[in-house]
Amino acid sequence: MISHNDIAELISAALPNSKVQVEDPNRDGQHFSAIVVAEQFEGLSMIKQHKLVYGAIQKHLDTGDLHALQLKTYSLSQWNSMQVQVL
């Protein structure tokens, strides 16, 4: 079984200097949610951003250790823009 910390580490290793938050909202160890902010996402579509993240965890999806990951991704500029609007 994979933990939310394991998932965060895999994503962080694939996307150096990213900010990653992974949670297990159902506390079932199979359905996770993540927010990933990475400079590597700059200029990429959301689909391409998600493909980068899923590439980091694909092995665990293939083996069934990880059933689902709800994903929100942002480039640094998107994240910074969103943070200013919230204030």
PDB file of N, CA and C in Angstrom:
ATOM      1  N   MET A   1       0.854  -1.189   0.000  1.00  0.00           N
ATOM      2  CA  MET A   1       0.000   0.000   0.000  1.00  0.00           C
ATOM      3  C   MET A   1       0.887   1.235   0.000  1.00  0.00           C
ATOM      4  N   ILE A   2       0.420   2.265  -0.654  1.00  0.00           N
ATOM      5  CA  ILE A   2       1.171   3.516  -0.764  1.00  0.00           C
ATOM      6  C   ILE A   2       0.521   4.569   0.134  1.00  0.00           C
ATOM      7  N   SER A   3       1.335   5.434   0.711  1.00  0.00           N
ATOM      8  CA  SER A   3       0.816   6.481   1.593  1.00  0.00           C
ATOM      9  C   SER A   3       0.822   7.825   0.861  1.00  0.00           C
ATOM     10  N   HIS A   4       0.133   8.778   1.447  1.00  0.00           N
ATOM     11  CA  HIS A   4       0.122  10.116   0.851  1.00  0.00           C
ATOM     12  C   HIS A   4       1.529  10.713   0.855  1.00  0.00           C
ATOM     13  N   ASN A   5       2.328  10.381   1.866  1.00  0.00           N
ATOM     14  CA  ASN A   5       3.718  10.864   1.891  1.00  0.00           C
ATOM     15  C   ASN A   5       4.540  10.254   0.766  1.00  0.00           C
ATOM     16  N   ASP A   6       4.329   8.965   0.484  1.00  0.00           N
ATOM     17  CA  ASP A   6       5.027   8.304  -0.614  1.00  0.00           C
ATOM     18  C   ASP A   6       4.698   8.976  -1.951  1.00  0.00           C
ATOM     19  N   ILE A   7       3.430   9.261  -2.150  1.00  0.00           N
ATOM     20  CA  ILE A   7       2.996   9.899  -3.399  1.00  0.00           C
ATOM     21  C   ILE A   7       3.640  11.271  -3.529  1.00  0.00           C
ATOM     22  N   ALA A   8       3.631  12.040  -2.455  1.00  0.00           N
ATOM     23  CA  ALA A   8       4.240  13.380  -2.481  1.00  0.00           C
ATOM     24  C   ALA A   8       5.728  13.294  -2.820  1.00  0.00           C
ATOM     25  N   GLU A   9       6.417  12.315  -2.258  1.00  0.00           N
ATOM     26  CA  GLU A   9       7.845  12.149  -2.533  1.00  0.00           C
ATOM     27  C   GLU A   9       8.093  11.770  -3.990  1.00  0.00           C
ATOM     28  N   LEU A  10       7.268  10.903  -4.550  1.00  0.00           N
ATOM     29  CA  LEU A  10       7.420  10.512  -5.951  1.00  0.00           C
ATOM     30  C   LEU A  10       7.226  11.704  -6.881  1.00  0.00           C
ATOM     31  N   ILE A  11       6.205  12.504  -6.598  1.00  0.00           N
ATOM     32  CA  ILE A  11       5.930  13.679  -7.425  1.00  0.00           C
ATOM     33  C   ILE A  11       7.053  14.698  -7.274  1.00  0.00           C
ATOM     34  N   SER A  12       7.494  14.927  -6.052  1.00  0.00           N
ATOM     35  CA  SER A  12       8.582  15.889  -5.806  1.00  0.00           C
ATOM     36  C   SER A  12       9.876  15.464  -6.501  1.00  0.00           C
ATOM     37  N   ALA A  13      10.141  14.170  -6.526  1.00  0.00           N
ATOM     38  CA  ALA A  13      11.350  13.677  -7.185  1.00  0.00           C
ATOM     39  C   ALA A  13      11.271  13.891  -8.699  1.00  0.00           C
ATOM     40  N   ALA A  14      10.071  13.733  -9.262  1.00  0.00           N
ATOM     41  CA  ALA A  14       9.888  13.907 -10.702  1.00  0.00           C
ATOM     42  C   ALA A  14       9.856  15.380 -11.108  1.00  0.00           C
ATOM     43  N   LEU A  15       9.432  16.239 -10.179  1.00  0.00           N
ATOM     44  CA  LEU A  15       9.319  17.671 -10.448  1.00  0.00           C
ATOM     45  C   LEU A  15      10.091  18.443  -9.373  1.00  0.00           C
ATOM     46  N   PRO A  16      11.421  18.502  -9.511  1.00  0.00           N
ATOM     47  CA  PRO A  16      12.237  19.178  -8.494  1.00  0.00           C
ATOM     48  C   PRO A  16      11.772  20.614  -8.236  1.00  0.00           C
ATOM     49  N   ASN A  17      11.850  21.006  -6.999  1.00  0.00           N
ATOM     50  CA  ASN A  17      11.465  22.348  -6.534  1.00  0.00           C
ATOM     51  C   ASN A  17       9.965  22.611  -6.599  1.00  0.00           C
ATOM     52  N   SER A  18       9.182  21.572  -6.792  1.00  0.00           N
ATOM     53  CA  SER A  18       7.728  21.753  -6.810  1.00  0.00           C
ATOM     54  C   SER A  18       7.204  21.796  -5.379  1.00  0.00           C
ATOM     55  N   LYS A  19       6.008  22.323  -5.250  1.00  0.00           N
ATOM     56  CA  LYS A  19       5.295  22.302  -3.977  1.00  0.00           C
ATOM     57  C   LYS A  19       4.185  21.278  -4.138  1.00  0.00           C
ATOM     58  N   VAL A  20       4.163  20.289  -3.264  1.00  0.00           N
ATOM     59  CA  VAL A  20       3.223  19.175  -3.400  1.00  0.00           C
ATOM     60  C   VAL A  20       2.499  18.952  -2.077  1.00  0.00           C
ATOM     61  N   GLN A  21       1.192  18.876  -2.160  1.00  0.00           N
ATOM     62  CA  GLN A  21       0.376  18.539  -0.996  1.00  0.00           C
ATOM     63  C   GLN A  21      -0.531  17.387  -1.394  1.00  0.00           C
ATOM     64  N   VAL A  22      -0.417  16.271  -0.707  1.00  0.00           N
ATOM     65  CA  VAL A  22      -1.238  15.093  -0.999  1.00  0.00           C
ATOM     66  C   VAL A  22      -2.014  14.730   0.258  1.00  0.00           C
ATOM     67  N   GLU A  23      -3.286  14.429   0.076  1.00  0.00           N
ATOM     68  CA  GLU A  23      -4.140  14.036   1.194  1.00  0.00           C
ATOM     69  C   GLU A  23      -4.887  12.751   0.858  1.00  0.00           C
ATOM     70  N   ASP A  24      -5.323  12.079   1.880  1.00  0.00           N
ATOM     71  CA  ASP A  24      -6.132  10.862   1.769  1.00  0.00           C
ATOM     72  C   ASP A  24      -7.487  11.182   2.406  1.00  0.00           C
ATOM     73  N   PRO A  25      -8.346  11.920   1.674  1.00  0.00           N
ATOM     74  CA  PRO A  25      -9.571  12.438   2.292  1.00  0.00           C
ATOM     75  C   PRO A  25     -10.535  11.360   2.784  1.00  0.00           C
ATOM     76  N   ASN A  26     -10.543  10.200   2.136  1.00  0.00           N
ATOM     77  CA  ASN A  26     -11.440   9.112   2.557  1.00  0.00           C
ATOM     78  C   ASN A  26     -10.792   8.195   3.579  1.00  0.00           C
ATOM     79  N   ARG A  27      -9.515   8.429   3.817  1.00  0.00           N
ATOM     80  CA  ARG A  27      -8.734   7.599   4.752  1.00  0.00           C
ATOM     81  C   ARG A  27      -8.832   6.112   4.412  1.00  0.00           C
ATOM     82  N   ASP A  28      -8.809   5.833   3.108  1.00  0.00           N
ATOM     83  CA  ASP A  28      -8.887   4.443   2.674  1.00  0.00           C
ATOM     84  C   ASP A  28      -7.585   3.942   2.046  1.00  0.00           C
ATOM     85  N   GLY A  29      -6.584   4.831   1.923  1.00  0.00           N
ATOM     86  CA  GLY A  29      -5.304   4.426   1.369  1.00  0.00           C
ATOM     87  C   GLY A  29      -5.332   4.113  -0.111  1.00  0.00           C
ATOM     88  N   GLN A  30      -6.395   4.501  -0.804  1.00  0.00           N
ATOM     89  CA  GLN A  30      -6.505   4.223  -2.239  1.00  0.00           C
ATOM     90  C   GLN A  30      -6.950   5.421  -3.062  1.00  0.00           C
ATOM     91  N   HIS A  31      -7.678   6.331  -2.464  1.00  0.00           N
ATOM     92  CA  HIS A  31      -8.194   7.502  -3.170  1.00  0.00           C
ATOM     93  C   HIS A  31      -7.561   8.742  -2.558  1.00  0.00           C
ATOM     94  N   PHE A  32      -6.738   9.416  -3.349  1.00  0.00           N
ATOM     95  CA  PHE A  32      -5.982  10.557  -2.846  1.00  0.00           C
ATOM     96  C   PHE A  32      -6.323  11.809  -3.628  1.00  0.00           C
ATOM     97  N   SER A  33      -6.002  12.943  -3.053  1.00  0.00           N
ATOM     98  CA  SER A  33      -6.106  14.221  -3.760  1.00  0.00           C
ATOM     99  C   SER A  33      -4.771  14.945  -3.600  1.00  0.00           C
ATOM    100  N   ALA A  34      -4.411  15.700  -4.640  1.00  0.00           N
ATOM    101  CA  ALA A  34      -3.125  16.395  -4.608  1.00  0.00           C
ATOM    102  C   ALA A  34      -3.238  17.757  -5.267  1.00  0.00           C
ATOM    103  N   ILE A  35      -2.447  18.679  -4.720  1.00  0.00           N
ATOM    104  CA  ILE A  35      -2.219  19.983  -5.337  1.00  0.00           C
ATOM    105  C   ILE A  35      -0.731  20.040  -5.620  1.00  0.00           C
ATOM    106  N   VAL A  36      -0.386  20.356  -6.879  1.00  0.00           N
ATOM    107  CA  VAL A  36       1.014  20.424  -7.277  1.00  0.00           C
ATOM    108  C   VAL A  36       1.253  21.761  -7.962  1.00  0.00           C
ATOM    109  N   VAL A  37       2.240  22.489  -7.457  1.00  0.00           N
ATOM    110  CA  VAL A  37       2.655  23.762  -8.041  1.00  0.00           C
ATOM    111  C   VAL A  37       4.097  23.582  -8.501  1.00  0.00           C
ATOM    112  N   ALA A  38       4.338  23.785  -9.810  1.00  0.00           N
ATOM    113  CA  ALA A  38       5.674  23.529 -10.337  1.00  0.00           C
ATOM    114  C   ALA A  38       6.016  24.495 -11.457  1.00  0.00           C
ATOM    115  N   GLU A  39       7.253  24.937 -11.459  1.00  0.00           N
ATOM    116  CA  GLU A  39       7.722  25.816 -12.538  1.00  0.00           C
ATOM    117  C   GLU A  39       7.723  25.073 -13.876  1.00  0.00           C
ATOM    118  N   GLN A  40       7.841  23.744 -13.849  1.00  0.00           N
ATOM    119  CA  GLN A  40       7.846  22.941 -15.071  1.00  0.00           C
ATOM    120  C   GLN A  40       6.511  22.996 -15.812  1.00  0.00           C
ATOM    121  N   PHE A  41       5.448  23.437 -15.148  1.00  0.00           N
ATOM    122  CA  PHE A  41       4.129  23.516 -15.760  1.00  0.00           C
ATOM    123  C   PHE A  41       3.933  24.781 -16.592  1.00  0.00           C
ATOM    124  N   GLU A  42       4.831  25.724 -16.485  1.00  0.00           N
ATOM    125  CA  GLU A  42       4.675  27.007 -17.173  1.00  0.00           C
ATOM    126  C   GLU A  42       4.491  26.789 -18.672  1.00  0.00           C
ATOM    127  N   GLY A  43       3.397  27.327 -19.207  1.00  0.00           N
ATOM    128  CA  GLY A  43       3.121  27.253 -20.635  1.00  0.00           C
ATOM    129  C   GLY A  43       2.515  25.934 -21.099  1.00  0.00           C
ATOM    130  N   LEU A  44       2.310  24.982 -20.185  1.00  0.00           N
ATOM    131  CA  LEU A  44       1.736  23.695 -20.561  1.00  0.00           C
ATOM    132  C   LEU A  44       0.231  23.680 -20.310  1.00  0.00           C
ATOM    133  N   SER A  45      -0.477  22.924 -21.129  1.00  0.00           N
ATOM    134  CA  SER A  45      -1.907  22.738 -20.891  1.00  0.00           C
ATOM    135  C   SER A  45      -2.095  21.919 -19.618  1.00  0.00           C
ATOM    136  N   MET A  46      -3.301  21.953 -19.091  1.00  0.00           N
ATOM    137  CA  MET A  46      -3.591  21.187 -17.887  1.00  0.00           C
ATOM    138  C   MET A  46      -3.365  19.693 -18.147  1.00  0.00           C
ATOM    139  N   ILE A  47      -3.715  19.226 -19.320  1.00  0.00           N
ATOM    140  CA  ILE A  47      -3.524  17.809 -19.647  1.00  0.00           C
ATOM    141  C   ILE A  47      -2.044  17.450 -19.590  1.00  0.00           C
ATOM    142  N   LYS A  48      -1.191  18.280 -20.148  1.00  0.00           N
ATOM    143  CA  LYS A  48       0.249  18.006 -20.119  1.00  0.00           C
ATOM    144  C   LYS A  48       0.805  18.091 -18.696  1.00  0.00           C
ATOM    145  N   GLN A  49       0.282  19.004 -17.905  1.00  0.00           N
ATOM    146  CA  GLN A  49       0.691  19.104 -16.507  1.00  0.00           C
ATOM    147  C   GLN A  49       0.339  17.808 -15.784  1.00  0.00           C
ATOM    148  N   HIS A  50      -0.872  17.339 -15.985  1.00  0.00           N
ATOM    149  CA  HIS A  50      -1.325  16.114 -15.318  1.00  0.00           C
ATOM    150  C   HIS A  50      -0.519  14.903 -15.780  1.00  0.00           C
ATOM    151  N   LYS A  51      -0.161  14.861 -17.061  1.00  0.00           N
ATOM    152  CA  LYS A  51       0.653  13.749 -17.569  1.00  0.00           C
ATOM    153  C   LYS A  51       2.011  13.703 -16.875  1.00  0.00           C
ATOM    154  N   LEU A  52       2.593  14.858 -16.597  1.00  0.00           N
ATOM    155  CA  LEU A  52       3.868  14.882 -15.877  1.00  0.00           C
ATOM    156  C   LEU A  52       3.719  14.280 -14.485  1.00  0.00           C
ATOM    157  N   VAL A  53       2.645  14.626 -13.819  1.00  0.00           N
ATOM    158  CA  VAL A  53       2.419  14.101 -12.466  1.00  0.00           C
ATOM    159  C   VAL A  53       2.117  12.602 -12.516  1.00  0.00           C
ATOM    160  N   TYR A  54       1.227  12.213 -13.405  1.00  0.00           N
ATOM    161  CA  TYR A  54       0.875  10.798 -13.492  1.00  0.00           C
ATOM    162  C   TYR A  54       2.066   9.944 -13.899  1.00  0.00           C
ATOM    163  N   GLY A  55       2.993  10.502 -14.664  1.00  0.00           N
ATOM    164  CA  GLY A  55       4.205   9.772 -15.014  1.00  0.00           C
ATOM    165  C   GLY A  55       5.003   9.375 -13.785  1.00  0.00           C
ATOM    166  N   ALA A  56       4.956  10.200 -12.764  1.00  0.00           N
ATOM    167  CA  ALA A  56       5.703   9.932 -11.528  1.00  0.00           C
ATOM    168  C   ALA A  56       5.088   8.808 -10.698  1.00  0.00           C
ATOM    169  N   ILE A  57       3.799   8.571 -10.875  1.00  0.00           N
ATOM    170  CA  ILE A  57       3.100   7.577 -10.040  1.00  0.00           C
ATOM    171  C   ILE A  57       2.530   6.411 -10.841  1.00  0.00           C
ATOM    172  N   GLN A  58       2.804   6.382 -12.142  1.00  0.00           N
ATOM    173  CA  GLN A  58       2.182   5.400 -13.036  1.00  0.00           C
ATOM    174  C   GLN A  58       2.378   3.959 -12.568  1.00  0.00           C
ATOM    175  N   LYS A  59       3.564   3.644 -12.083  1.00  0.00           N
ATOM    176  CA  LYS A  59       3.842   2.278 -11.622  1.00  0.00           C
ATOM    177  C   LYS A  59       2.838   1.846 -10.553  1.00  0.00           C
ATOM    178  N   HIS A  60       2.518   2.747  -9.664  1.00  0.00           N
ATOM    179  CA  HIS A  60       1.602   2.425  -8.562  1.00  0.00           C
ATOM    180  C   HIS A  60       0.150   2.348  -9.034  1.00  0.00           C
ATOM    181  N   LEU A  61      -0.180   3.095 -10.078  1.00  0.00           N
ATOM    182  CA  LEU A  61      -1.506   2.960 -10.680  1.00  0.00           C
ATOM    183  C   LEU A  61      -1.616   1.611 -11.389  1.00  0.00           C
ATOM    184  N   ASP A  62      -0.546   1.227 -12.093  1.00  0.00           N
ATOM    185  CA  ASP A  62      -0.545  -0.040 -12.834  1.00  0.00           C
ATOM    186  C   ASP A  62      -0.665  -1.250 -11.914  1.00  0.00           C
ATOM    187  N   THR A  63      -0.031  -1.184 -10.751  1.00  0.00           N
ATOM    188  CA  THR A  63      -0.058  -2.318  -9.819  1.00  0.00           C
ATOM    189  C   THR A  63      -1.307  -2.333  -8.947  1.00  0.00           C
ATOM    190  N   GLY A  64      -2.055  -1.241  -8.946  1.00  0.00           N
ATOM    191  CA  GLY A  64      -3.260  -1.166  -8.130  1.00  0.00           C
ATOM    192  C   GLY A  64      -3.014  -0.665  -6.717  1.00  0.00           C
ATOM    193  N   ASP A  65      -1.756  -0.331  -6.393  1.00  0.00           N
ATOM    194  CA  ASP A  65      -1.461   0.247  -5.074  1.00  0.00           C
ATOM    195  C   ASP A  65      -2.190   1.573  -4.894  1.00  0.00           C
ATOM    196  N   LEU A  66      -2.375   2.280  -5.982  1.00  0.00           N
ATOM    197  CA  LEU A  66      -3.043   3.577  -5.988  1.00  0.00           C
ATOM    198  C   LEU A  66      -4.216   3.478  -6.952  1.00  0.00           C
ATOM    199  N   HIS A  67      -5.401   3.704  -6.443  1.00  0.00           N
ATOM    200  CA  HIS A  67      -6.595   3.553  -7.277  1.00  0.00           C
ATOM    201  C   HIS A  67      -6.959   4.854  -7.977  1.00  0.00           C
ATOM    202  N   ALA A  68      -6.887   5.978  -7.277  1.00  0.00           N
ATOM    203  CA  ALA A  68      -7.311   7.243  -7.860  1.00  0.00           C
ATOM    204  C   ALA A  68      -6.564   8.415  -7.231  1.00  0.00           C
ATOM    205  N   LEU A  69      -6.307   9.417  -8.058  1.00  0.00           N
ATOM    206  CA  LEU A  69      -5.676  10.645  -7.578  1.00  0.00           C
ATOM    207  C   LEU A  69      -6.398  11.828  -8.194  1.00  0.00           C
ATOM    208  N   GLN A  70      -7.120  12.555  -7.366  1.00  0.00           N
ATOM    209  CA  GLN A  70      -7.747  13.798  -7.804  1.00  0.00           C
ATOM    210  C   GLN A  70      -6.637  14.836  -7.842  1.00  0.00           C
ATOM    211  N   LEU A  71      -6.486  15.528  -8.957  1.00  0.00           N
ATOM    212  CA  LEU A  71      -5.306  16.342  -9.161  1.00  0.00           C
ATOM    213  C   LEU A  71      -5.658  17.766  -9.545  1.00  0.00           C
ATOM    214  N   LYS A  72      -4.985  18.711  -8.886  1.00  0.00           N
ATOM    215  CA  LYS A  72      -5.041  20.129  -9.258  1.00  0.00           C
ATOM    216  C   LYS A  72      -3.605  20.570  -9.460  1.00  0.00           C
ATOM    217  N   THR A  73      -3.316  21.108 -10.639  1.00  0.00           N
ATOM    218  CA  THR A  73      -1.957  21.538 -10.941  1.00  0.00           C
ATOM    219  C   THR A  73      -1.939  23.006 -11.330  1.00  0.00           C
ATOM    220  N   TYR A  74      -0.836  23.662 -10.964  1.00  0.00           N
ATOM    221  CA  TYR A  74      -0.674  25.078 -11.248  1.00  0.00           C
ATOM    222  C   TYR A  74       0.791  25.369 -11.570  1.00  0.00           C
ATOM    223  N   SER A  75       1.017  26.237 -12.546  1.00  0.00           N
ATOM    224  CA  SER A  75       2.368  26.765 -12.726  1.00  0.00           C
ATOM    225  C   SER A  75       2.587  27.791 -11.612  1.00  0.00           C
ATOM    226  N   LEU A  76       3.824  28.204 -11.433  1.00  0.00           N
ATOM    227  CA  LEU A  76       4.096  29.212 -10.390  1.00  0.00           C
ATOM    228  C   LEU A  76       3.324  30.503 -10.655  1.00  0.00           C
ATOM    229  N   SER A  77       3.274  30.934 -11.913  1.00  0.00           N
ATOM    230  CA  SER A  77       2.568  32.184 -12.207  1.00  0.00           C
ATOM    231  C   SER A  77       1.063  32.033 -11.971  1.00  0.00           C
ATOM    232  N   GLN A  78       0.499  30.874 -12.315  1.00  0.00           N
ATOM    233  CA  GLN A  78      -0.923  30.630 -12.041  1.00  0.00           C
ATOM    234  C   GLN A  78      -1.197  30.666 -10.541  1.00  0.00           C
ATOM    235  N   TRP A  79      -0.339  30.003  -9.789  1.00  0.00           N
ATOM    236  CA  TRP A  79      -0.513  29.941  -8.336  1.00  0.00           C
ATOM    237  C   TRP A  79      -0.405  31.321  -7.721  1.00  0.00           C
ATOM    238  N   ASN A  80       0.619  32.086  -8.128  1.00  0.00           N
ATOM    239  CA  ASN A  80       0.816  33.425  -7.575  1.00  0.00           C
ATOM    240  C   ASN A  80      -0.347  34.340  -7.953  1.00  0.00           C
ATOM    241  N   SER A  81      -0.852  34.210  -9.146  1.00  0.00           N
ATOM    242  CA  SER A  81      -1.995  35.008  -9.585  1.00  0.00           C
ATOM    243  C   SER A  81      -3.227  34.666  -8.755  1.00  0.00           C
ATOM    244  N   MET A  82      -3.431  33.393  -8.517  1.00  0.00           N
ATOM    245  CA  MET A  82      -4.580  32.946  -7.733  1.00  0.00           C
ATOM    246  C   MET A  82      -4.480  33.438  -6.290  1.00  0.00           C
ATOM    247  N   GLN A  83      -3.306  33.410  -5.728  1.00  0.00           N
ATOM    248  CA  GLN A  83      -3.110  33.834  -4.349  1.00  0.00           C
ATOM    249  C   GLN A  83      -3.407  35.322  -4.186  1.00  0.00           C
ATOM    250  N   VAL A  84      -3.061  36.117  -5.155  1.00  0.00           N
ATOM    251  CA  VAL A  84      -3.319  37.555  -5.080  1.00  0.00           C
ATOM    252  C   VAL A  84      -4.828  37.802  -5.120  1.00  0.00           C
ATOM    253  N   GLN A  85      -5.548  37.056  -5.962  1.00  0.00           N
ATOM    254  CA  GLN A  85      -7.000  37.225  -6.074  1.00  0.00           C
ATOM    255  C   GLN A  85      -7.715  36.821  -4.795  1.00  0.00           C
ATOM    256  N   VAL A  86      -7.177  35.848  -4.086  1.00  0.00           N
ATOM    257  CA  VAL A  86      -7.808  35.389  -2.857  1.00  0.00           C
ATOM    258  C   VAL A  86      -7.742  36.459  -1.793  1.00  0.00           C
ATOM    259  N   LEU A  87      -6.643  37.186  -1.753  1.00  0.00           N
ATOM    260  CA  LEU A  87      -6.486  38.231  -0.752  1.00  0.00           C
ATOM    261  C   LEU A  87      -7.399  39.357  -1.072  1.00  0.00           C
TER     262      LEU A  87
END
